[in-house]
Amino acid sequence: MAWEAETAQRAPAAEETLTGPPSRRPAGGGPLPVPPPGAMTYRYTTDLAAVRAVVYRYAMQAGLPESRAVDLVLAVSEVAANTVRHAGSPGSLKIWYDTEEIVCQIQDDGTIADPLAGQRRPSLEAGGGHGLWIVNQVCDEVEMRSDESGTTIRLHMDLPRLKPRS
């Protein structure tokens, strides 16, 4: 499934205190591990409704409760909207899950200058920066890498643990 269109350059988030859940993986500027071979890939440009539908379907298939699936859809939609608004390139969404988590990776050719974008609560008067902050609030983990080659953001949500049968 692939669609094409146009997009433009990301602005850093507003500054304030650090917030958001702690990362389970070490932060760093190195490349993220390659997604597993079975990851679903979807290219998008402007059709965010289709992106939301794909994410919701996979989240429910993975076993996320509906309220958490809606949170994941919101988070992916915010990041994908940044691609459409700021990146100047189509975006690529990859989704995969295992028994512990579902992961959505959004990648584009834009750059984010602020390595802490989304980790500080933006002021209510700020004209931007709220989307990535919300993403960091609703996801269990957010990984972001951005350099001259583009930006990759991974959104992680834990899946409910299955209770052992008695």
N, C-alpha and C. Protein backbone atom coordinates (compact mmCIF):
# COMPACT_ATOMS: atom_id res chain seq x y z
N MET A 1 0.84 -1.17 0.00
CA MET A 1 0.00 0.00 0.00
C MET A 1 0.89 1.24 0.00
N ALA A 2 0.84 2.03 -1.03
CA ALA A 2 1.68 3.22 -1.09
C ALA A 2 0.94 4.36 -1.77
N TRP A 3 1.05 5.54 -1.19
CA TRP A 3 0.50 6.77 -1.75
C TRP A 3 1.60 7.81 -1.75
N GLU A 4 1.55 8.75 -2.68
CA GLU A 4 2.57 9.80 -2.79
C GLU A 4 1.93 11.19 -2.68
N ALA A 5 2.69 12.23 -2.26
CA ALA A 5 2.27 13.66 -2.30
C ALA A 5 3.38 14.58 -1.81
N GLU A 6 3.02 15.83 -1.39
CA GLU A 6 4.07 16.76 -1.00
C GLU A 6 4.02 17.12 0.48
N THR A 7 5.12 17.70 0.99
CA THR A 7 5.26 18.08 2.40
C THR A 7 6.27 19.23 2.59
N ALA A 8 6.80 19.76 3.86
CA ALA A 8 7.74 20.90 4.07
C ALA A 8 8.69 20.85 5.29
N GLN A 9 9.66 21.93 6.33
CA GLN A 9 10.74 21.70 7.33
C GLN A 9 10.28 21.84 8.79
N ARG A 10 10.66 20.91 9.59
CA ARG A 10 10.17 20.86 10.97
C ARG A 10 10.72 21.97 11.84
N ALA A 11 9.90 22.43 12.76
CA ALA A 11 10.32 23.43 13.73
C ALA A 11 10.52 22.75 15.08
N PRO A 12 11.53 23.18 15.86
CA PRO A 12 11.72 22.57 17.18
C PRO A 12 10.59 22.95 18.14
N ALA A 13 10.38 22.11 19.14
CA ALA A 13 9.35 22.35 20.15
C ALA A 13 9.77 23.49 21.09
N ALA A 14 8.79 24.09 21.74
CA ALA A 14 9.06 25.15 22.72
C ALA A 14 9.75 24.57 23.94
N GLU A 15 10.50 25.41 24.69
CA GLU A 15 11.24 24.93 25.85
C GLU A 15 10.44 25.06 27.13
N GLU A 16 10.58 24.10 28.01
CA GLU A 16 10.12 24.11 29.39
C GLU A 16 10.67 22.87 30.07
N THR A 17 10.05 22.43 31.15
CA THR A 17 10.57 21.31 31.91
C THR A 17 10.44 19.99 31.16
N LEU A 18 11.39 19.11 31.44
CA LEU A 18 11.34 17.77 30.86
C LEU A 18 10.18 17.00 31.45
N THR A 19 9.45 16.30 30.61
CA THR A 19 8.35 15.46 31.06
C THR A 19 8.34 14.20 30.22
N GLY A 20 7.37 13.35 30.47
CA GLY A 20 7.21 12.15 29.67
C GLY A 20 7.76 10.94 30.37
N PRO A 21 7.35 9.77 29.90
CA PRO A 21 7.77 8.54 30.53
C PRO A 21 9.25 8.26 30.27
N PRO A 22 9.91 7.57 31.21
CA PRO A 22 11.31 7.24 30.99
C PRO A 22 11.46 6.20 29.89
N SER A 23 12.57 6.25 29.21
CA SER A 23 12.83 5.31 28.13
C SER A 23 13.37 4.00 28.69
N ARG A 24 12.92 2.88 28.14
CA ARG A 24 13.44 1.57 28.54
C ARG A 24 14.72 1.27 27.79
N ARG A 25 14.95 1.92 26.70
CA ARG A 25 16.14 1.70 25.89
C ARG A 25 17.07 2.89 26.07
N PRO A 26 18.36 2.67 25.99
CA PRO A 26 19.27 3.79 26.16
C PRO A 26 19.07 4.82 25.05
N ALA A 27 19.04 6.08 25.44
CA ALA A 27 18.94 7.16 24.46
C ALA A 27 20.28 7.29 23.77
N GLY A 28 20.26 7.82 22.59
CA GLY A 28 21.52 8.00 21.91
C GLY A 28 21.30 8.47 20.49
N GLY A 29 22.38 8.86 19.87
CA GLY A 29 22.29 9.37 18.52
C GLY A 29 22.56 8.33 17.46
N GLY A 30 22.85 7.10 17.87
CA GLY A 30 23.13 6.07 16.90
C GLY A 30 21.89 5.64 16.15
N PRO A 31 22.09 4.90 15.09
CA PRO A 31 20.93 4.44 14.32
C PRO A 31 20.06 3.48 15.12
N LEU A 32 18.78 3.49 14.81
CA LEU A 32 17.86 2.54 15.45
C LEU A 32 18.03 1.18 14.79
N PRO A 33 17.76 0.11 15.52
CA PRO A 33 17.83 -1.22 14.89
C PRO A 33 16.85 -1.30 13.72
N VAL A 34 17.17 -2.12 12.77
CA VAL A 34 16.33 -2.33 11.59
C VAL A 34 15.02 -3.00 12.02
N PRO A 35 13.87 -2.53 11.50
CA PRO A 35 12.60 -3.20 11.82
C PRO A 35 12.64 -4.66 11.38
N PRO A 36 11.84 -5.51 12.01
CA PRO A 36 11.84 -6.92 11.62
C PRO A 36 11.33 -7.11 10.19
N PRO A 37 11.70 -8.23 9.57
CA PRO A 37 11.30 -8.47 8.17
C PRO A 37 9.79 -8.44 7.95
N GLY A 38 8.98 -8.80 8.92
CA GLY A 38 7.53 -8.85 8.73
C GLY A 38 6.83 -7.53 8.95
N ALA A 39 7.57 -6.44 9.15
CA ALA A 39 6.94 -5.14 9.42
C ALA A 39 6.11 -4.69 8.22
N MET A 40 4.92 -4.17 8.50
CA MET A 40 4.06 -3.62 7.46
C MET A 40 4.59 -2.23 7.10
N THR A 41 4.68 -1.91 5.82
CA THR A 41 5.17 -0.61 5.36
C THR A 41 4.06 0.10 4.60
N TYR A 42 3.93 1.40 4.88
CA TYR A 42 2.90 2.23 4.25
C TYR A 42 3.51 3.60 3.99
N ARG A 43 3.52 4.03 2.72
CA ARG A 43 4.02 5.37 2.38
C ARG A 43 2.84 6.30 2.27
N TYR A 44 3.01 7.53 2.76
CA TYR A 44 1.92 8.50 2.74
C TYR A 44 2.46 9.88 2.40
N THR A 45 1.55 10.74 2.00
CA THR A 45 1.91 12.12 1.72
C THR A 45 0.91 13.06 2.40
N THR A 46 -0.35 12.96 2.06
CA THR A 46 -1.33 13.85 2.66
C THR A 46 -2.55 13.13 3.23
N ASP A 47 -2.73 11.86 2.95
CA ASP A 47 -3.93 11.14 3.38
C ASP A 47 -3.77 10.60 4.79
N LEU A 48 -3.92 11.47 5.79
CA LEU A 48 -3.75 11.06 7.19
C LEU A 48 -4.88 10.17 7.67
N ALA A 49 -6.05 10.27 7.07
CA ALA A 49 -7.16 9.38 7.45
C ALA A 49 -6.79 7.93 7.17
N ALA A 50 -6.13 7.69 6.03
CA ALA A 50 -5.69 6.33 5.70
C ALA A 50 -4.62 5.85 6.69
N VAL A 51 -3.71 6.73 7.07
CA VAL A 51 -2.68 6.39 8.06
C VAL A 51 -3.35 5.99 9.38
N ARG A 52 -4.32 6.79 9.83
CA ARG A 52 -5.02 6.49 11.08
C ARG A 52 -5.74 5.15 11.00
N ALA A 53 -6.37 4.87 9.87
CA ALA A 53 -7.10 3.60 9.71
C ALA A 53 -6.16 2.41 9.77
N VAL A 54 -5.01 2.51 9.13
CA VAL A 54 -4.03 1.42 9.15
C VAL A 54 -3.53 1.18 10.57
N VAL A 55 -3.19 2.25 11.28
CA VAL A 55 -2.66 2.11 12.64
C VAL A 55 -3.72 1.51 13.56
N TYR A 56 -4.95 1.98 13.46
CA TYR A 56 -6.02 1.45 14.31
C TYR A 56 -6.22 -0.05 14.06
N ARG A 57 -6.26 -0.44 12.79
CA ARG A 57 -6.45 -1.86 12.45
C ARG A 57 -5.32 -2.72 13.05
N TYR A 58 -4.08 -2.29 12.89
CA TYR A 58 -2.96 -3.07 13.43
C TYR A 58 -2.94 -3.07 14.95
N ALA A 59 -3.29 -1.95 15.56
CA ALA A 59 -3.32 -1.87 17.03
C ALA A 59 -4.35 -2.85 17.59
N MET A 60 -5.51 -2.90 16.99
CA MET A 60 -6.55 -3.82 17.46
C MET A 60 -6.12 -5.27 17.20
N GLN A 61 -5.53 -5.52 16.05
CA GLN A 61 -5.04 -6.87 15.71
C GLN A 61 -3.96 -7.31 16.70
N ALA A 62 -3.12 -6.38 17.13
CA ALA A 62 -2.03 -6.70 18.07
C ALA A 62 -2.56 -6.98 19.48
N GLY A 63 -3.79 -6.52 19.78
CA GLY A 63 -4.35 -6.76 21.09
C GLY A 63 -4.35 -5.57 22.03
N LEU A 64 -4.11 -4.36 21.50
CA LEU A 64 -4.21 -3.18 22.35
C LEU A 64 -5.68 -2.96 22.72
N PRO A 65 -5.95 -2.59 23.97
CA PRO A 65 -7.32 -2.20 24.30
C PRO A 65 -7.72 -1.00 23.44
N GLU A 66 -9.00 -0.84 23.16
CA GLU A 66 -9.44 0.21 22.25
C GLU A 66 -8.97 1.60 22.67
N SER A 67 -9.00 1.91 23.96
CA SER A 67 -8.58 3.25 24.40
C SER A 67 -7.10 3.49 24.10
N ARG A 68 -6.28 2.46 24.25
CA ARG A 68 -4.85 2.60 23.94
C ARG A 68 -4.63 2.63 22.43
N ALA A 69 -5.46 1.90 21.67
CA ALA A 69 -5.37 1.95 20.20
C ALA A 69 -5.66 3.37 19.72
N VAL A 70 -6.65 4.02 20.32
CA VAL A 70 -6.97 5.41 19.97
C VAL A 70 -5.79 6.33 20.33
N ASP A 71 -5.15 6.09 21.48
CA ASP A 71 -3.96 6.87 21.84
C ASP A 71 -2.86 6.70 20.80
N LEU A 72 -2.63 5.47 20.34
CA LEU A 72 -1.59 5.22 19.35
C LEU A 72 -1.94 5.90 18.03
N VAL A 73 -3.19 5.83 17.64
CA VAL A 73 -3.63 6.51 16.41
C VAL A 73 -3.37 8.01 16.53
N LEU A 74 -3.70 8.60 17.67
CA LEU A 74 -3.45 10.02 17.90
C LEU A 74 -1.96 10.34 17.77
N ALA A 75 -1.12 9.53 18.40
CA ALA A 75 0.32 9.77 18.38
C ALA A 75 0.88 9.68 16.96
N VAL A 76 0.53 8.62 16.24
CA VAL A 76 1.03 8.46 14.87
C VAL A 76 0.51 9.60 14.00
N SER A 77 -0.74 9.96 14.18
CA SER A 77 -1.33 11.04 13.39
C SER A 77 -0.59 12.36 13.61
N GLU A 78 -0.21 12.64 14.85
CA GLU A 78 0.54 13.87 15.16
C GLU A 78 1.89 13.87 14.44
N VAL A 79 2.60 12.76 14.50
CA VAL A 79 3.92 12.69 13.86
C VAL A 79 3.77 12.74 12.34
N ALA A 80 2.80 12.00 11.80
CA ALA A 80 2.57 12.00 10.35
C ALA A 80 2.16 13.39 9.86
N ALA A 81 1.36 14.10 10.66
CA ALA A 81 0.97 15.47 10.30
C ALA A 81 2.19 16.38 10.24
N ASN A 82 3.17 16.15 11.12
CA ASN A 82 4.41 16.93 11.05
C ASN A 82 5.16 16.67 9.75
N THR A 83 5.13 15.42 9.27
CA THR A 83 5.74 15.11 7.98
C THR A 83 5.05 15.93 6.89
N VAL A 84 3.73 15.87 6.86
CA VAL A 84 2.97 16.57 5.83
C VAL A 84 3.23 18.07 5.91
N ARG A 85 3.28 18.61 7.11
CA ARG A 85 3.41 20.05 7.31
C ARG A 85 4.84 20.55 7.14
N HIS A 86 5.85 19.76 7.54
CA HIS A 86 7.19 20.31 7.66
C HIS A 86 8.31 19.59 6.92
N ALA A 87 8.16 18.33 6.53
CA ALA A 87 9.32 17.55 6.10
C ALA A 87 9.78 17.77 4.67
N GLY A 88 8.92 18.15 3.77
CA GLY A 88 9.34 18.32 2.38
C GLY A 88 9.54 17.00 1.65
N SER A 89 8.97 15.92 2.18
CA SER A 89 9.10 14.61 1.56
C SER A 89 7.91 13.75 1.97
N PRO A 90 7.66 12.68 1.21
CA PRO A 90 6.65 11.72 1.68
C PRO A 90 7.13 11.07 2.97
N GLY A 91 6.21 10.52 3.72
CA GLY A 91 6.56 9.81 4.94
C GLY A 91 6.42 8.31 4.74
N SER A 92 7.10 7.58 5.58
CA SER A 92 7.01 6.13 5.57
C SER A 92 6.63 5.67 6.96
N LEU A 93 5.60 4.85 7.04
CA LEU A 93 5.15 4.27 8.30
C LEU A 93 5.44 2.78 8.26
N LYS A 94 6.07 2.28 9.30
CA LYS A 94 6.26 0.83 9.47
C LYS A 94 5.62 0.45 10.79
N ILE A 95 4.93 -0.67 10.81
CA ILE A 95 4.28 -1.15 12.03
C ILE A 95 4.62 -2.62 12.21
N TRP A 96 4.96 -2.97 13.46
CA TRP A 96 5.16 -4.37 13.80
C TRP A 96 4.82 -4.56 15.27
N TYR A 97 4.59 -5.81 15.63
CA TYR A 97 4.32 -6.11 17.03
C TYR A 97 4.77 -7.53 17.33
N ASP A 98 4.98 -7.76 18.62
CA ASP A 98 5.29 -9.09 19.11
C ASP A 98 4.40 -9.33 20.33
N THR A 99 4.78 -10.21 21.21
CA THR A 99 3.93 -10.50 22.37
C THR A 99 3.99 -9.41 23.44
N GLU A 100 4.96 -8.50 23.35
CA GLU A 100 5.13 -7.49 24.39
C GLU A 100 4.71 -6.08 23.99
N GLU A 101 4.88 -5.71 22.71
CA GLU A 101 4.61 -4.34 22.32
C GLU A 101 4.26 -4.22 20.85
N ILE A 102 3.65 -3.09 20.52
CA ILE A 102 3.45 -2.69 19.13
C ILE A 102 4.31 -1.46 18.91
N VAL A 103 4.93 -1.39 17.73
CA VAL A 103 5.83 -0.29 17.41
C VAL A 103 5.40 0.32 16.07
N CYS A 104 5.31 1.64 16.05
CA CYS A 104 5.06 2.38 14.81
C CYS A 104 6.26 3.27 14.56
N GLN A 105 6.87 3.12 13.40
CA GLN A 105 8.03 3.93 13.03
C GLN A 105 7.63 4.86 11.89
N ILE A 106 7.83 6.15 12.09
CA ILE A 106 7.54 7.14 11.08
C ILE A 106 8.87 7.75 10.64
N GLN A 107 9.08 7.79 9.32
CA GLN A 107 10.36 8.26 8.80
C GLN A 107 10.10 9.23 7.65
N ASP A 108 10.91 10.29 7.58
CA ASP A 108 10.82 11.24 6.47
C ASP A 108 12.17 11.90 6.28
N ASP A 109 12.25 12.80 5.29
CA ASP A 109 13.52 13.46 4.96
C ASP A 109 13.74 14.76 5.72
N GLY A 110 12.79 15.17 6.57
CA GLY A 110 12.93 16.40 7.34
C GLY A 110 13.91 16.23 8.49
N THR A 111 14.24 17.35 9.12
CA THR A 111 15.13 17.31 10.29
C THR A 111 14.48 18.04 11.45
N ILE A 112 14.80 17.59 12.64
CA ILE A 112 14.37 18.24 13.88
C ILE A 112 15.64 18.72 14.57
N ALA A 113 15.80 20.02 14.70
CA ALA A 113 17.02 20.59 15.24
C ALA A 113 17.15 20.37 16.75
N ASP A 114 16.05 20.33 17.47
CA ASP A 114 16.05 20.21 18.92
C ASP A 114 16.00 18.74 19.33
N PRO A 115 17.09 18.19 19.91
CA PRO A 115 17.09 16.77 20.28
C PRO A 115 16.10 16.46 21.41
N LEU A 116 15.61 17.46 22.11
CA LEU A 116 14.64 17.25 23.18
C LEU A 116 13.22 17.63 22.76
N ALA A 117 13.00 17.78 21.46
CA ALA A 117 11.67 18.13 20.97
C ALA A 117 10.65 17.13 21.50
N GLY A 118 9.58 17.65 22.05
CA GLY A 118 8.52 16.81 22.58
C GLY A 118 8.72 16.37 24.01
N GLN A 119 9.87 16.63 24.59
CA GLN A 119 10.13 16.21 25.96
C GLN A 119 9.91 17.32 26.97
N ARG A 120 9.66 18.53 26.49
CA ARG A 120 9.37 19.66 27.37
C ARG A 120 7.94 20.10 27.16
N ARG A 121 7.24 20.38 28.24
CA ARG A 121 5.86 20.86 28.12
C ARG A 121 5.89 22.24 27.48
N PRO A 122 5.21 22.41 26.32
CA PRO A 122 5.18 23.74 25.71
C PRO A 122 4.24 24.66 26.49
N SER A 123 4.54 25.93 26.45
CA SER A 123 3.65 26.88 27.13
C SER A 123 2.33 26.94 26.39
N LEU A 124 1.28 27.34 27.09
CA LEU A 124 -0.03 27.43 26.47
C LEU A 124 -0.05 28.47 25.36
N GLU A 125 0.86 29.45 25.43
CA GLU A 125 0.92 30.50 24.41
C GLU A 125 1.73 30.08 23.19
N ALA A 126 2.47 28.97 23.29
CA ALA A 126 3.32 28.54 22.19
C ALA A 126 2.48 28.23 20.95
N GLY A 127 2.97 28.66 19.80
CA GLY A 127 2.27 28.42 18.55
C GLY A 127 2.46 27.01 18.01
N GLY A 128 3.34 26.24 18.58
CA GLY A 128 3.61 24.88 18.12
C GLY A 128 4.30 24.09 19.21
N GLY A 129 4.64 22.86 18.90
CA GLY A 129 5.36 22.02 19.85
C GLY A 129 4.47 21.17 20.73
N HIS A 130 3.16 21.32 20.60
CA HIS A 130 2.26 20.54 21.44
C HIS A 130 2.13 19.09 20.97
N GLY A 131 2.19 18.87 19.66
CA GLY A 131 1.99 17.53 19.11
C GLY A 131 2.99 16.51 19.61
N LEU A 132 4.29 16.81 19.49
CA LEU A 132 5.30 15.86 19.95
C LEU A 132 5.26 15.68 21.46
N TRP A 133 4.87 16.72 22.18
CA TRP A 133 4.74 16.59 23.64
C TRP A 133 3.60 15.61 23.96
N ILE A 134 2.48 15.74 23.27
CA ILE A 134 1.35 14.81 23.47
C ILE A 134 1.78 13.39 23.14
N VAL A 135 2.51 13.22 22.05
CA VAL A 135 3.01 11.90 21.66
C VAL A 135 3.80 11.27 22.81
N ASN A 136 4.68 12.07 23.44
CA ASN A 136 5.48 11.56 24.55
C ASN A 136 4.63 11.24 25.78
N GLN A 137 3.47 11.86 25.90
CA GLN A 137 2.60 11.59 27.05
C GLN A 137 1.78 10.31 26.87
N VAL A 138 1.36 10.01 25.65
CA VAL A 138 0.46 8.86 25.45
C VAL A 138 1.18 7.56 25.13
N CYS A 139 2.41 7.62 24.64
CA CYS A 139 3.15 6.40 24.29
C CYS A 139 3.96 5.92 25.48
N ASP A 140 4.22 4.61 25.53
CA ASP A 140 5.04 4.05 26.59
C ASP A 140 6.51 4.39 26.38
N GLU A 141 6.89 4.59 25.14
CA GLU A 141 8.26 4.99 24.82
C GLU A 141 8.28 5.66 23.46
N VAL A 142 9.10 6.69 23.33
CA VAL A 142 9.29 7.39 22.06
C VAL A 142 10.79 7.48 21.81
N GLU A 143 11.22 7.02 20.65
CA GLU A 143 12.62 7.14 20.23
C GLU A 143 12.66 8.06 19.03
N MET A 144 13.61 8.99 19.00
CA MET A 144 13.72 9.92 17.89
C MET A 144 15.17 10.06 17.48
N ARG A 145 15.39 9.95 16.17
CA ARG A 145 16.71 10.20 15.60
C ARG A 145 16.51 11.17 14.45
N SER A 146 17.30 12.23 14.40
CA SER A 146 17.18 13.20 13.32
C SER A 146 18.56 13.75 12.99
N ASP A 147 18.90 13.71 11.72
CA ASP A 147 20.16 14.27 11.24
C ASP A 147 19.95 14.71 9.80
N GLU A 148 21.03 15.01 9.11
CA GLU A 148 20.93 15.52 7.75
C GLU A 148 20.28 14.52 6.78
N SER A 149 20.24 13.24 7.14
CA SER A 149 19.62 12.25 6.26
C SER A 149 18.11 12.11 6.49
N GLY A 150 17.58 12.72 7.56
CA GLY A 150 16.15 12.65 7.81
C GLY A 150 15.84 12.37 9.27
N THR A 151 14.57 12.11 9.53
CA THR A 151 14.09 11.88 10.89
C THR A 151 13.37 10.55 10.96
N THR A 152 13.65 9.81 12.03
CA THR A 152 12.94 8.57 12.34
C THR A 152 12.42 8.67 13.76
N ILE A 153 11.13 8.44 13.92
CA ILE A 153 10.51 8.44 15.25
C ILE A 153 9.81 7.10 15.43
N ARG A 154 10.13 6.44 16.55
CA ARG A 154 9.49 5.16 16.89
C ARG A 154 8.61 5.36 18.11
N LEU A 155 7.37 4.92 17.97
CA LEU A 155 6.39 5.00 19.05
C LEU A 155 6.11 3.59 19.52
N HIS A 156 6.31 3.36 20.82
CA HIS A 156 6.12 2.03 21.41
C HIS A 156 4.92 2.06 22.35
N MET A 157 4.11 1.00 22.28
CA MET A 157 3.03 0.82 23.26
C MET A 157 3.06 -0.63 23.72
N ASP A 158 3.06 -0.77 25.04
CA ASP A 158 3.06 -2.11 25.62
C ASP A 158 1.72 -2.78 25.37
N LEU A 159 1.78 -4.08 25.07
CA LEU A 159 0.56 -4.86 24.93
C LEU A 159 0.19 -5.46 26.28
N PRO A 160 -1.09 -5.68 26.52
CA PRO A 160 -1.47 -6.30 27.80
C PRO A 160 -0.90 -7.70 27.90
N ARG A 161 -0.48 -8.06 29.08
CA ARG A 161 0.04 -9.41 29.32
C ARG A 161 -1.11 -10.38 29.43
N LEU A 162 -0.94 -11.52 28.81
CA LEU A 162 -1.96 -12.57 28.92
C LEU A 162 -1.86 -13.21 30.29
N LYS A 163 -2.98 -13.40 30.93
CA LYS A 163 -3.00 -14.05 32.24
C LYS A 163 -2.89 -15.57 32.04
N PRO A 164 -2.03 -16.22 32.83
CA PRO A 164 -1.91 -17.66 32.70
C PRO A 164 -3.24 -18.35 33.11
N ARG A 165 -3.55 -19.41 32.39
CA ARG A 165 -4.77 -20.16 32.73
C ARG A 165 -4.56 -20.96 33.99
N SER A 166 -5.59 -21.01 34.82
CA SER A 166 -5.45 -21.77 36.06
C SER A 166 -6.03 -23.15 35.96
